[in-house]
């Protein structure tokens, strides 16, 4: 009798009916190369019962944009759009995946001449995706090549200190550019 009950449970669990798959999250957006997201697939019957023993086969439509392992760990590869696909038998579900990477930046001006002792000056930095669309939600990092000539203050302003020339490196995520900065001597300052 006990064996018969065990066999019925095994048969029932092996024949779980799956009508649709719920995927969580319902959309994925990656903004950094080191991001990753665990996908969860809930195999569901029409009556609302979850099939807990269903095995999910994971894939992505375009592996050049993102990858997913057999357990549902999704990782970005390159800027673009794709879909992550969960499949159980003939039933599948898809979730859009968008990878938004900074491909290149534009900095204005490309050369800057400041006067010793003058106010700090701000650069205009624009970040762009591979497809040319602008990205406005990223932070800009400026680094002075010679902190005796210029230093970075406030929210990314270049403060002239002593006469000379140096480079200010501009970085947004993985994209970078540089600006040549010259600080001219203030002739009214006695040395």
N, C-alpha and C. Protein backbone atom coordinates (compact mmCIF):
# COMPACT_ATOMS: atom_id res chain seq x y z
N UNK A 1 0.83 -1.19 0.00
CA UNK A 1 0.00 0.00 0.00
C UNK A 1 0.88 1.26 0.00
N UNK A 2 1.89 1.24 0.85
CA UNK A 2 2.79 2.39 0.94
C UNK A 2 3.51 2.61 -0.40
N UNK A 3 3.93 1.53 -1.04
CA UNK A 3 4.60 1.62 -2.33
C UNK A 3 3.68 2.21 -3.39
N UNK A 4 2.41 1.81 -3.35
CA UNK A 4 1.43 2.33 -4.31
C UNK A 4 1.24 3.85 -4.13
N UNK A 5 1.18 4.31 -2.89
CA UNK A 5 1.02 5.75 -2.61
C UNK A 5 2.24 6.52 -3.10
N UNK A 6 3.42 5.99 -2.86
CA UNK A 6 4.65 6.63 -3.30
C UNK A 6 4.71 6.71 -4.82
N UNK A 7 4.30 5.64 -5.49
CA UNK A 7 4.30 5.63 -6.96
C UNK A 7 3.32 6.66 -7.51
N UNK A 8 2.15 6.80 -6.86
CA UNK A 8 1.17 7.80 -7.33
C UNK A 8 1.73 9.21 -7.19
N UNK A 9 2.41 9.51 -6.09
CA UNK A 9 3.00 10.84 -5.89
C UNK A 9 4.06 11.10 -6.96
N UNK A 10 4.90 10.10 -7.22
CA UNK A 10 5.93 10.26 -8.24
C UNK A 10 5.33 10.48 -9.62
N UNK A 11 4.30 9.74 -9.96
CA UNK A 11 3.65 9.91 -11.25
C UNK A 11 3.00 11.28 -11.37
N UNK A 12 2.35 11.73 -10.31
CA UNK A 12 1.70 13.04 -10.34
C UNK A 12 2.73 14.16 -10.51
N UNK A 13 3.86 14.06 -9.77
CA UNK A 13 4.86 15.11 -9.87
C UNK A 13 5.56 15.10 -11.21
N UNK A 14 5.71 13.93 -11.83
CA UNK A 14 6.36 13.85 -13.14
C UNK A 14 5.45 14.39 -14.24
N UNK A 15 4.15 14.41 -13.99
CA UNK A 15 3.18 14.85 -15.01
C UNK A 15 2.60 16.21 -14.68
N UNK A 16 3.34 17.07 -14.02
CA UNK A 16 2.81 18.39 -13.69
C UNK A 16 2.47 19.13 -14.98
N UNK A 17 1.27 19.66 -15.05
CA UNK A 17 0.80 20.38 -16.23
C UNK A 17 1.32 21.82 -16.18
N UNK A 18 1.93 22.27 -17.28
CA UNK A 18 2.45 23.63 -17.36
C UNK A 18 1.76 24.34 -18.52
N UNK A 19 1.06 25.43 -18.21
CA UNK A 19 0.37 26.20 -19.22
C UNK A 19 1.10 27.50 -19.57
N UNK A 20 1.82 28.05 -18.60
CA UNK A 20 2.56 29.28 -18.85
C UNK A 20 3.68 29.41 -17.84
N UNK A 21 4.60 30.34 -18.15
CA UNK A 21 5.76 30.58 -17.28
C UNK A 21 5.74 32.05 -16.89
N UNK A 22 5.84 32.30 -15.59
CA UNK A 22 5.99 33.68 -15.10
C UNK A 22 7.47 33.94 -14.88
N UNK A 23 7.98 35.01 -15.48
CA UNK A 23 9.39 35.35 -15.30
C UNK A 23 9.53 36.58 -14.42
N UNK A 24 10.46 36.51 -13.50
CA UNK A 24 10.75 37.62 -12.60
C UNK A 24 12.25 37.87 -12.67
N UNK A 25 12.67 39.11 -12.92
CA UNK A 25 11.88 40.31 -13.17
C UNK A 25 11.28 40.28 -14.57
N UNK A 26 10.35 41.21 -14.82
CA UNK A 26 9.66 41.25 -16.11
C UNK A 26 10.42 42.06 -17.16
N UNK A 27 11.49 42.70 -16.75
CA UNK A 27 12.36 43.47 -17.65
C UNK A 27 13.71 43.63 -16.97
N UNK A 28 14.78 43.59 -17.75
CA UNK A 28 16.13 43.75 -17.19
C UNK A 28 16.87 44.84 -17.95
N UNK A 29 17.47 45.78 -17.21
CA UNK A 29 18.31 46.82 -17.80
C UNK A 29 19.66 46.79 -17.08
N UNK A 30 20.72 46.59 -17.86
CA UNK A 30 22.08 46.61 -17.33
C UNK A 30 22.74 47.92 -17.73
N UNK A 31 23.45 48.55 -16.76
CA UNK A 31 24.15 49.80 -17.05
C UNK A 31 25.66 49.69 -16.82
N UNK A 32 26.10 48.61 -16.21
CA UNK A 32 27.52 48.43 -15.91
C UNK A 32 27.95 47.02 -16.32
N UNK A 33 29.18 46.85 -16.79
CA UNK A 33 29.66 45.54 -17.21
C UNK A 33 29.66 44.49 -16.10
N UNK A 34 29.83 44.91 -14.85
CA UNK A 34 29.91 43.94 -13.75
C UNK A 34 28.54 43.60 -13.14
N UNK A 35 27.44 44.09 -13.74
CA UNK A 35 26.10 43.77 -13.26
C UNK A 35 25.75 42.33 -13.61
N UNK A 36 24.84 41.77 -12.83
CA UNK A 36 24.26 40.47 -13.15
C UNK A 36 22.90 40.40 -12.47
N UNK A 37 22.04 39.53 -12.97
CA UNK A 37 20.69 39.44 -12.43
C UNK A 37 20.25 37.98 -12.47
N UNK A 38 19.73 37.49 -11.34
CA UNK A 38 19.16 36.15 -11.29
C UNK A 38 17.75 36.21 -11.82
N UNK A 39 17.44 35.36 -12.78
CA UNK A 39 16.10 35.25 -13.33
C UNK A 39 15.38 34.11 -12.59
N UNK A 40 14.09 34.30 -12.36
CA UNK A 40 13.28 33.26 -11.74
C UNK A 40 12.14 32.91 -12.68
N UNK A 41 11.99 31.62 -12.96
CA UNK A 41 10.91 31.14 -13.81
C UNK A 41 9.95 30.33 -12.96
N UNK A 42 8.68 30.74 -12.95
CA UNK A 42 7.64 30.01 -12.22
C UNK A 42 6.78 29.29 -13.25
N UNK A 43 6.88 27.96 -13.27
CA UNK A 43 6.07 27.15 -14.18
C UNK A 43 4.68 27.02 -13.56
N UNK A 44 3.67 27.50 -14.29
CA UNK A 44 2.32 27.58 -13.73
C UNK A 44 1.30 26.80 -14.56
N UNK A 45 0.35 26.22 -13.85
CA UNK A 45 -0.80 25.59 -14.50
C UNK A 45 -1.91 26.64 -14.61
N UNK A 46 -2.82 26.42 -15.51
CA UNK A 46 -3.93 27.37 -15.73
C UNK A 46 -4.72 27.61 -14.44
N UNK A 47 -4.80 26.61 -13.59
CA UNK A 47 -5.57 26.75 -12.34
C UNK A 47 -4.80 27.47 -11.24
N UNK A 48 -3.59 27.99 -11.57
CA UNK A 48 -2.81 28.76 -10.60
C UNK A 48 -1.85 27.95 -9.76
N UNK A 49 -1.76 26.65 -10.00
CA UNK A 49 -0.85 25.79 -9.25
C UNK A 49 0.53 25.84 -9.89
N UNK A 50 1.55 25.98 -9.05
CA UNK A 50 2.93 26.06 -9.54
C UNK A 50 3.52 24.66 -9.64
N UNK A 51 4.14 24.37 -10.77
CA UNK A 51 4.84 23.10 -10.97
C UNK A 51 6.26 23.28 -10.44
N UNK A 52 6.51 22.73 -9.28
CA UNK A 52 7.79 23.00 -8.61
C UNK A 52 8.95 22.17 -9.12
N UNK A 53 8.66 21.06 -9.81
CA UNK A 53 9.75 20.19 -10.26
C UNK A 53 10.12 20.42 -11.72
N UNK A 54 9.52 21.40 -12.35
CA UNK A 54 9.79 21.65 -13.77
C UNK A 54 11.22 22.15 -13.95
N UNK A 55 11.86 21.63 -15.00
CA UNK A 55 13.23 22.04 -15.31
C UNK A 55 13.21 23.07 -16.42
N UNK A 56 13.85 24.19 -16.18
CA UNK A 56 13.85 25.31 -17.12
C UNK A 56 15.11 25.27 -17.98
N UNK A 57 14.91 25.46 -19.27
CA UNK A 57 16.04 25.62 -20.20
C UNK A 57 16.15 27.12 -20.50
N UNK A 58 17.29 27.72 -20.12
CA UNK A 58 17.50 29.15 -20.30
C UNK A 58 18.30 29.41 -21.57
N UNK A 59 17.99 30.52 -22.24
CA UNK A 59 18.78 30.96 -23.39
C UNK A 59 18.54 32.46 -23.59
N UNK A 60 19.34 33.06 -24.45
CA UNK A 60 19.13 34.46 -24.84
C UNK A 60 19.04 34.50 -26.35
N UNK A 61 18.24 35.44 -26.83
CA UNK A 61 18.04 35.58 -28.27
C UNK A 61 19.34 36.01 -28.96
N UNK A 62 20.07 36.96 -28.37
CA UNK A 62 21.32 37.45 -28.95
C UNK A 62 22.44 37.37 -27.92
N UNK A 63 23.24 36.28 -27.95
CA UNK A 63 24.32 36.11 -26.97
C UNK A 63 25.45 37.13 -27.10
N UNK A 64 25.43 37.95 -28.16
CA UNK A 64 26.43 39.02 -28.28
C UNK A 64 26.07 40.19 -27.35
N UNK A 65 24.82 40.23 -26.85
CA UNK A 65 24.37 41.31 -25.96
C UNK A 65 24.37 40.86 -24.50
N UNK A 66 23.92 39.61 -24.23
CA UNK A 66 23.88 39.09 -22.86
C UNK A 66 23.98 37.57 -22.89
N UNK A 67 24.37 37.01 -21.75
CA UNK A 67 24.42 35.55 -21.61
C UNK A 67 23.64 35.13 -20.38
N UNK A 68 23.19 33.88 -20.37
CA UNK A 68 22.49 33.32 -19.21
C UNK A 68 23.00 31.90 -19.01
N UNK A 69 23.23 31.53 -17.75
CA UNK A 69 23.69 30.17 -17.49
C UNK A 69 22.49 29.25 -17.25
N UNK A 70 22.76 27.97 -17.01
CA UNK A 70 21.69 26.98 -16.86
C UNK A 70 20.84 27.19 -15.61
N UNK A 71 21.32 28.00 -14.68
CA UNK A 71 20.56 28.27 -13.45
C UNK A 71 19.80 29.59 -13.52
N UNK A 72 19.97 30.35 -14.60
CA UNK A 72 19.23 31.60 -14.76
C UNK A 72 19.99 32.85 -14.38
N UNK A 73 21.31 32.78 -14.26
CA UNK A 73 22.11 33.97 -13.97
C UNK A 73 22.41 34.69 -15.28
N UNK A 74 21.88 35.90 -15.39
CA UNK A 74 21.96 36.70 -16.60
C UNK A 74 23.07 37.74 -16.45
N UNK A 75 23.94 37.85 -17.48
CA UNK A 75 25.04 38.81 -17.44
C UNK A 75 25.11 39.58 -18.76
N UNK A 76 25.44 40.89 -18.69
CA UNK A 76 25.58 41.67 -19.92
C UNK A 76 26.89 41.37 -20.63
N UNK A 77 26.89 41.55 -21.95
CA UNK A 77 28.10 41.36 -22.75
C UNK A 77 28.45 42.65 -23.48
N UNK A 78 27.45 43.24 -24.18
CA UNK A 78 27.71 44.44 -24.97
C UNK A 78 26.43 45.26 -25.09
N UNK A 79 26.57 46.52 -25.45
CA UNK A 79 25.45 47.43 -25.62
C UNK A 79 24.46 46.87 -26.65
N UNK A 80 23.18 46.93 -26.33
CA UNK A 80 22.16 46.48 -27.27
C UNK A 80 20.91 45.97 -26.58
N UNK A 81 20.02 45.37 -27.37
CA UNK A 81 18.78 44.82 -26.85
C UNK A 81 18.68 43.36 -27.25
N UNK A 82 18.11 42.55 -26.36
CA UNK A 82 17.88 41.13 -26.62
C UNK A 82 16.73 40.67 -25.74
N UNK A 83 16.53 39.37 -25.67
CA UNK A 83 15.54 38.78 -24.78
C UNK A 83 16.14 37.57 -24.10
N UNK A 84 15.78 37.36 -22.83
CA UNK A 84 16.13 36.12 -22.15
C UNK A 84 14.90 35.22 -22.29
N UNK A 85 15.15 33.93 -22.58
CA UNK A 85 14.08 32.99 -22.86
C UNK A 85 14.13 31.85 -21.86
N UNK A 86 12.97 31.56 -21.24
CA UNK A 86 12.83 30.40 -20.36
C UNK A 86 11.90 29.43 -21.06
N UNK A 87 12.34 28.16 -21.18
CA UNK A 87 11.54 27.18 -21.90
C UNK A 87 11.40 25.93 -21.05
N UNK A 88 10.16 25.44 -20.96
CA UNK A 88 9.86 24.17 -20.29
C UNK A 88 8.97 23.39 -21.26
N UNK A 89 9.52 22.36 -21.87
CA UNK A 89 8.77 21.63 -22.89
C UNK A 89 8.46 22.55 -24.06
N UNK A 90 7.16 22.65 -24.40
CA UNK A 90 6.74 23.52 -25.51
C UNK A 90 6.38 24.93 -25.05
N UNK A 91 6.41 25.16 -23.75
CA UNK A 91 5.99 26.45 -23.18
C UNK A 91 7.23 27.32 -22.98
N UNK A 92 7.13 28.57 -23.44
CA UNK A 92 8.25 29.48 -23.22
C UNK A 92 7.75 30.87 -22.85
N UNK A 93 8.65 31.61 -22.20
CA UNK A 93 8.37 33.01 -21.84
C UNK A 93 9.63 33.80 -22.13
N UNK A 94 9.42 35.09 -22.45
CA UNK A 94 10.54 35.96 -22.80
C UNK A 94 10.46 37.26 -22.01
N UNK A 95 11.64 37.77 -21.69
CA UNK A 95 11.73 39.06 -20.99
C UNK A 95 12.74 39.91 -21.75
N UNK A 96 12.39 41.19 -22.01
CA UNK A 96 13.34 42.06 -22.70
C UNK A 96 14.55 42.38 -21.82
N UNK A 97 15.71 42.41 -22.46
CA UNK A 97 16.97 42.74 -21.79
C UNK A 97 17.61 43.88 -22.57
N UNK A 98 17.93 44.96 -21.87
CA UNK A 98 18.59 46.11 -22.49
C UNK A 98 19.92 46.33 -21.79
N UNK A 99 20.97 46.42 -22.58
CA UNK A 99 22.30 46.72 -22.05
C UNK A 99 22.65 48.12 -22.56
N UNK A 100 22.85 49.04 -21.62
CA UNK A 100 23.15 50.44 -21.97
C UNK A 100 24.55 50.77 -21.48
N UNK A 101 25.51 50.67 -22.38
CA UNK A 101 26.89 50.99 -22.06
C UNK A 101 27.28 52.30 -22.71
N UNK A 102 28.20 53.00 -22.05
CA UNK A 102 28.78 54.20 -22.66
C UNK A 102 29.82 53.73 -23.67
N UNK A 103 29.60 54.07 -24.94
CA UNK A 103 30.53 53.68 -26.00
C UNK A 103 31.62 54.73 -26.17
N UNK A 104 31.21 56.01 -26.16
CA UNK A 104 32.19 57.09 -26.29
C UNK A 104 31.64 58.36 -25.65
N UNK A 105 32.56 59.28 -25.39
CA UNK A 105 32.16 60.56 -24.80
C UNK A 105 32.72 61.70 -25.65
N UNK A 106 32.03 62.83 -25.58
CA UNK A 106 32.50 64.05 -26.23
C UNK A 106 32.71 65.10 -25.15
N UNK A 107 33.85 65.78 -25.20
CA UNK A 107 34.19 66.79 -24.20
C UNK A 107 34.46 68.11 -24.89
N UNK A 108 33.88 69.15 -24.34
CA UNK A 108 34.11 70.51 -24.86
C UNK A 108 34.51 71.41 -23.71
N UNK A 109 35.47 72.26 -23.83
CA UNK A 109 36.39 72.35 -24.96
C UNK A 109 37.43 71.24 -24.89
N UNK A 110 38.11 71.00 -26.01
CA UNK A 110 39.15 69.97 -26.07
C UNK A 110 40.47 70.48 -25.51
N UNK A 111 40.63 71.80 -25.53
CA UNK A 111 41.79 72.46 -24.93
C UNK A 111 41.26 73.62 -24.10
N UNK A 112 41.93 73.86 -22.99
CA UNK A 112 41.46 74.90 -22.08
C UNK A 112 42.65 75.71 -21.59
N UNK A 113 42.51 77.05 -21.69
CA UNK A 113 43.54 77.93 -21.16
C UNK A 113 42.91 78.75 -20.04
N UNK A 114 43.53 78.67 -18.87
CA UNK A 114 43.03 79.39 -17.69
C UNK A 114 44.12 80.31 -17.18
N UNK A 115 43.70 81.31 -16.43
CA UNK A 115 44.64 82.25 -15.83
C UNK A 115 44.88 81.81 -14.38
N UNK A 116 46.10 81.86 -13.96
CA UNK A 116 46.48 81.56 -12.57
C UNK A 116 45.61 82.39 -11.62
N UNK A 117 45.00 81.73 -10.64
CA UNK A 117 44.17 82.43 -9.66
C UNK A 117 42.74 82.68 -10.11
N UNK A 118 42.39 82.28 -11.34
CA UNK A 118 41.02 82.50 -11.85
C UNK A 118 40.04 81.51 -11.22
N UNK A 119 38.78 81.75 -11.49
CA UNK A 119 37.71 80.85 -11.00
C UNK A 119 37.82 79.49 -11.68
N UNK A 120 37.26 78.49 -11.04
CA UNK A 120 37.24 77.14 -11.62
C UNK A 120 36.38 77.14 -12.88
N UNK A 121 36.73 76.27 -13.81
CA UNK A 121 36.04 76.18 -15.09
C UNK A 121 35.44 74.78 -15.25
N UNK A 122 34.28 74.73 -15.87
CA UNK A 122 33.58 73.45 -16.03
C UNK A 122 33.65 72.99 -17.49
N UNK A 123 33.80 71.70 -17.68
CA UNK A 123 33.76 71.11 -19.02
C UNK A 123 32.35 70.64 -19.32
N UNK A 124 32.00 70.56 -20.59
CA UNK A 124 30.74 69.96 -21.01
C UNK A 124 31.07 68.55 -21.51
N UNK A 125 30.49 67.55 -20.84
CA UNK A 125 30.76 66.16 -21.17
C UNK A 125 29.45 65.49 -21.56
N UNK A 126 29.45 64.85 -22.73
CA UNK A 126 28.27 64.12 -23.20
C UNK A 126 28.67 62.68 -23.45
N UNK A 127 27.85 61.74 -22.96
CA UNK A 127 28.10 60.31 -23.14
C UNK A 127 27.11 59.75 -24.16
N UNK A 128 27.60 58.78 -24.95
CA UNK A 128 26.77 58.20 -26.01
C UNK A 128 26.88 56.68 -26.03
N UNK A 129 25.77 56.04 -26.44
CA UNK A 129 25.75 54.60 -26.67
C UNK A 129 26.39 54.30 -28.02
N UNK A 130 26.57 53.03 -28.29
CA UNK A 130 27.14 52.59 -29.57
C UNK A 130 26.27 53.04 -30.75
N UNK A 131 24.95 53.07 -30.54
CA UNK A 131 24.03 53.48 -31.61
C UNK A 131 23.91 55.00 -31.74
N UNK A 132 24.69 55.76 -30.95
CA UNK A 132 24.70 57.22 -31.04
C UNK A 132 23.71 57.92 -30.12
N UNK A 133 22.87 57.15 -29.43
CA UNK A 133 21.90 57.78 -28.53
C UNK A 133 22.60 58.28 -27.29
N UNK A 134 22.23 59.49 -26.81
CA UNK A 134 22.88 60.03 -25.61
C UNK A 134 22.46 59.30 -24.34
N UNK A 135 23.37 59.28 -23.38
CA UNK A 135 23.11 58.71 -22.05
C UNK A 135 23.29 59.85 -21.06
N UNK A 136 22.27 60.10 -20.26
CA UNK A 136 22.33 61.26 -19.35
C UNK A 136 22.37 60.88 -17.87
N UNK A 137 22.34 59.60 -17.55
CA UNK A 137 22.25 59.20 -16.14
C UNK A 137 23.58 58.68 -15.56
N UNK A 138 24.69 59.06 -16.13
CA UNK A 138 25.98 58.58 -15.65
C UNK A 138 26.79 59.71 -15.04
N UNK A 139 27.64 59.34 -14.11
CA UNK A 139 28.48 60.36 -13.47
C UNK A 139 29.82 60.47 -14.20
N UNK A 140 30.35 61.68 -14.18
CA UNK A 140 31.61 62.00 -14.85
C UNK A 140 32.71 62.10 -13.80
N UNK A 141 33.86 61.52 -14.09
CA UNK A 141 35.01 61.60 -13.20
C UNK A 141 36.14 62.33 -13.92
N UNK A 142 36.67 63.37 -13.27
CA UNK A 142 37.81 64.10 -13.81
C UNK A 142 39.03 63.83 -12.93
N UNK A 143 40.18 63.69 -13.58
CA UNK A 143 41.42 63.46 -12.85
C UNK A 143 42.50 64.38 -13.41
N UNK A 144 43.17 65.11 -12.54
CA UNK A 144 44.24 66.01 -12.97
C UNK A 144 45.53 65.23 -13.14
N UNK A 145 46.22 65.48 -14.27
CA UNK A 145 47.51 64.85 -14.51
C UNK A 145 48.60 65.42 -13.62
N UNK A 146 48.48 66.69 -13.24
CA UNK A 146 49.45 67.33 -12.35
C UNK A 146 48.68 68.23 -11.38
N UNK A 147 48.55 67.78 -10.16
CA UNK A 147 47.73 68.49 -9.17
C UNK A 147 48.37 69.78 -8.68
N UNK A 148 49.59 70.04 -9.09
CA UNK A 148 50.21 71.33 -8.75
C UNK A 148 49.76 72.41 -9.73
N UNK A 149 49.38 72.00 -10.94
CA UNK A 149 48.94 72.96 -11.96
C UNK A 149 47.43 73.19 -11.89
N UNK A 150 46.63 72.10 -11.87
CA UNK A 150 45.17 72.21 -11.71
C UNK A 150 44.69 71.13 -10.76
N UNK A 151 43.60 71.42 -10.08
CA UNK A 151 42.96 70.43 -9.23
C UNK A 151 41.47 70.40 -9.58
N UNK A 152 40.82 69.30 -9.26
CA UNK A 152 39.40 69.15 -9.55
C UNK A 152 38.64 69.47 -8.26
N UNK A 153 37.66 70.38 -8.37
CA UNK A 153 36.90 70.82 -7.20
C UNK A 153 35.40 70.70 -7.49
N UNK A 154 34.62 70.77 -6.42
CA UNK A 154 33.16 70.79 -6.54
C UNK A 154 32.62 69.62 -7.33
N UNK A 155 31.73 69.91 -8.24
CA UNK A 155 31.11 68.85 -9.04
C UNK A 155 31.82 68.70 -10.39
N UNK A 156 33.15 68.61 -10.33
CA UNK A 156 33.93 68.38 -11.55
C UNK A 156 34.40 69.63 -12.25
N UNK A 157 34.78 70.64 -11.48
CA UNK A 157 35.31 71.86 -12.07
C UNK A 157 36.83 71.86 -11.97
N UNK A 158 37.48 72.50 -12.95
CA UNK A 158 38.94 72.55 -13.00
C UNK A 158 39.40 73.88 -12.42
N UNK A 159 40.14 73.79 -11.33
CA UNK A 159 40.64 74.98 -10.63
C UNK A 159 42.12 75.18 -10.99
N UNK A 160 42.45 76.34 -11.62
CA UNK A 160 43.85 76.61 -11.95
C UNK A 160 44.64 76.96 -10.69
N UNK A 161 45.85 76.44 -10.58
CA UNK A 161 46.69 76.72 -9.41
C UNK A 161 47.96 77.45 -9.82
N UNK A 162 48.90 76.73 -10.42
CA UNK A 162 50.18 77.31 -10.81
C UNK A 162 50.35 77.26 -12.33
N UNK A 163 51.17 78.16 -12.89
CA UNK A 163 51.41 78.16 -14.34
C UNK A 163 52.01 76.83 -14.81
N UNK A 164 51.60 76.44 -16.02
CA UNK A 164 52.11 75.20 -16.62
C UNK A 164 51.04 74.54 -17.47
N UNK A 165 51.39 73.38 -18.01
CA UNK A 165 50.45 72.60 -18.82
C UNK A 165 50.31 71.20 -18.26
N UNK A 166 49.11 70.67 -18.35
CA UNK A 166 48.84 69.30 -17.90
C UNK A 166 47.65 68.76 -18.66
N UNK A 167 47.32 67.54 -18.39
CA UNK A 167 46.16 66.89 -18.99
C UNK A 167 45.14 66.60 -17.91
N UNK A 168 43.87 66.82 -18.22
CA UNK A 168 42.78 66.39 -17.34
C UNK A 168 42.10 65.22 -18.04
N UNK A 169 42.08 64.09 -17.37
CA UNK A 169 41.42 62.90 -17.92
C UNK A 169 39.96 62.91 -17.51
N UNK A 170 39.09 62.62 -18.47
CA UNK A 170 37.65 62.61 -18.26
C UNK A 170 37.18 61.18 -18.49
N UNK A 171 36.41 60.65 -17.53
CA UNK A 171 35.94 59.28 -17.68
C UNK A 171 34.46 59.18 -17.32
N UNK A 172 33.72 58.45 -18.15
CA UNK A 172 32.33 58.10 -17.89
C UNK A 172 32.24 56.60 -18.11
N UNK A 173 32.01 55.87 -17.04
CA UNK A 173 32.05 54.40 -17.09
C UNK A 173 33.37 53.98 -17.73
N UNK A 174 33.36 53.21 -18.80
CA UNK A 174 34.60 52.74 -19.41
C UNK A 174 35.15 53.64 -20.49
N UNK A 175 34.41 54.68 -20.87
CA UNK A 175 34.86 55.57 -21.95
C UNK A 175 35.65 56.74 -21.37
N UNK A 176 36.71 57.14 -22.08
CA UNK A 176 37.52 58.24 -21.56
C UNK A 176 37.99 59.16 -22.68
N UNK A 177 38.36 60.35 -22.27
CA UNK A 177 38.91 61.36 -23.18
C UNK A 177 39.83 62.22 -22.33
N UNK A 178 40.61 63.07 -22.98
CA UNK A 178 41.47 63.96 -22.21
C UNK A 178 41.41 65.37 -22.79
N UNK A 179 41.67 66.32 -21.90
CA UNK A 179 41.65 67.73 -22.26
C UNK A 179 43.00 68.31 -21.88
N UNK A 180 43.62 69.04 -22.81
CA UNK A 180 44.89 69.71 -22.53
C UNK A 180 44.58 71.03 -21.83
N UNK A 181 45.15 71.22 -20.65
CA UNK A 181 44.89 72.44 -19.88
C UNK A 181 46.20 73.20 -19.68
N UNK A 182 46.14 74.49 -20.02
CA UNK A 182 47.29 75.37 -19.80
C UNK A 182 46.88 76.45 -18.81
N UNK A 183 47.71 76.64 -17.80
CA UNK A 183 47.47 77.72 -16.83
C UNK A 183 48.53 78.79 -17.09
N UNK A 184 48.05 79.98 -17.47
CA UNK A 184 48.96 81.11 -17.73
C UNK A 184 49.25 81.86 -16.44
N UNK A 185 50.46 82.35 -16.32
CA UNK A 185 50.88 83.09 -15.13
C UNK A 185 50.13 84.41 -15.05
N UNK A 186 49.75 84.78 -13.84
CA UNK A 186 49.15 86.08 -13.57
C UNK A 186 50.32 87.03 -13.33
N UNK A 187 50.53 87.97 -14.24
CA UNK A 187 51.70 88.85 -14.18
C UNK A 187 51.65 89.82 -12.99
N UNK A 188 50.45 89.94 -12.37
CA UNK A 188 50.33 90.85 -11.23
C UNK A 188 50.83 90.21 -9.93
N UNK A 189 51.02 88.88 -9.98
CA UNK A 189 51.52 88.18 -8.78
C UNK A 189 53.05 88.28 -8.76
N UNK A 190 53.57 88.80 -7.65
CA UNK A 190 55.04 88.89 -7.51
C UNK A 190 55.58 87.53 -7.07
N UNK A 191 56.66 87.14 -7.68
CA UNK A 191 57.23 85.81 -7.39
C UNK A 191 58.51 85.96 -6.60
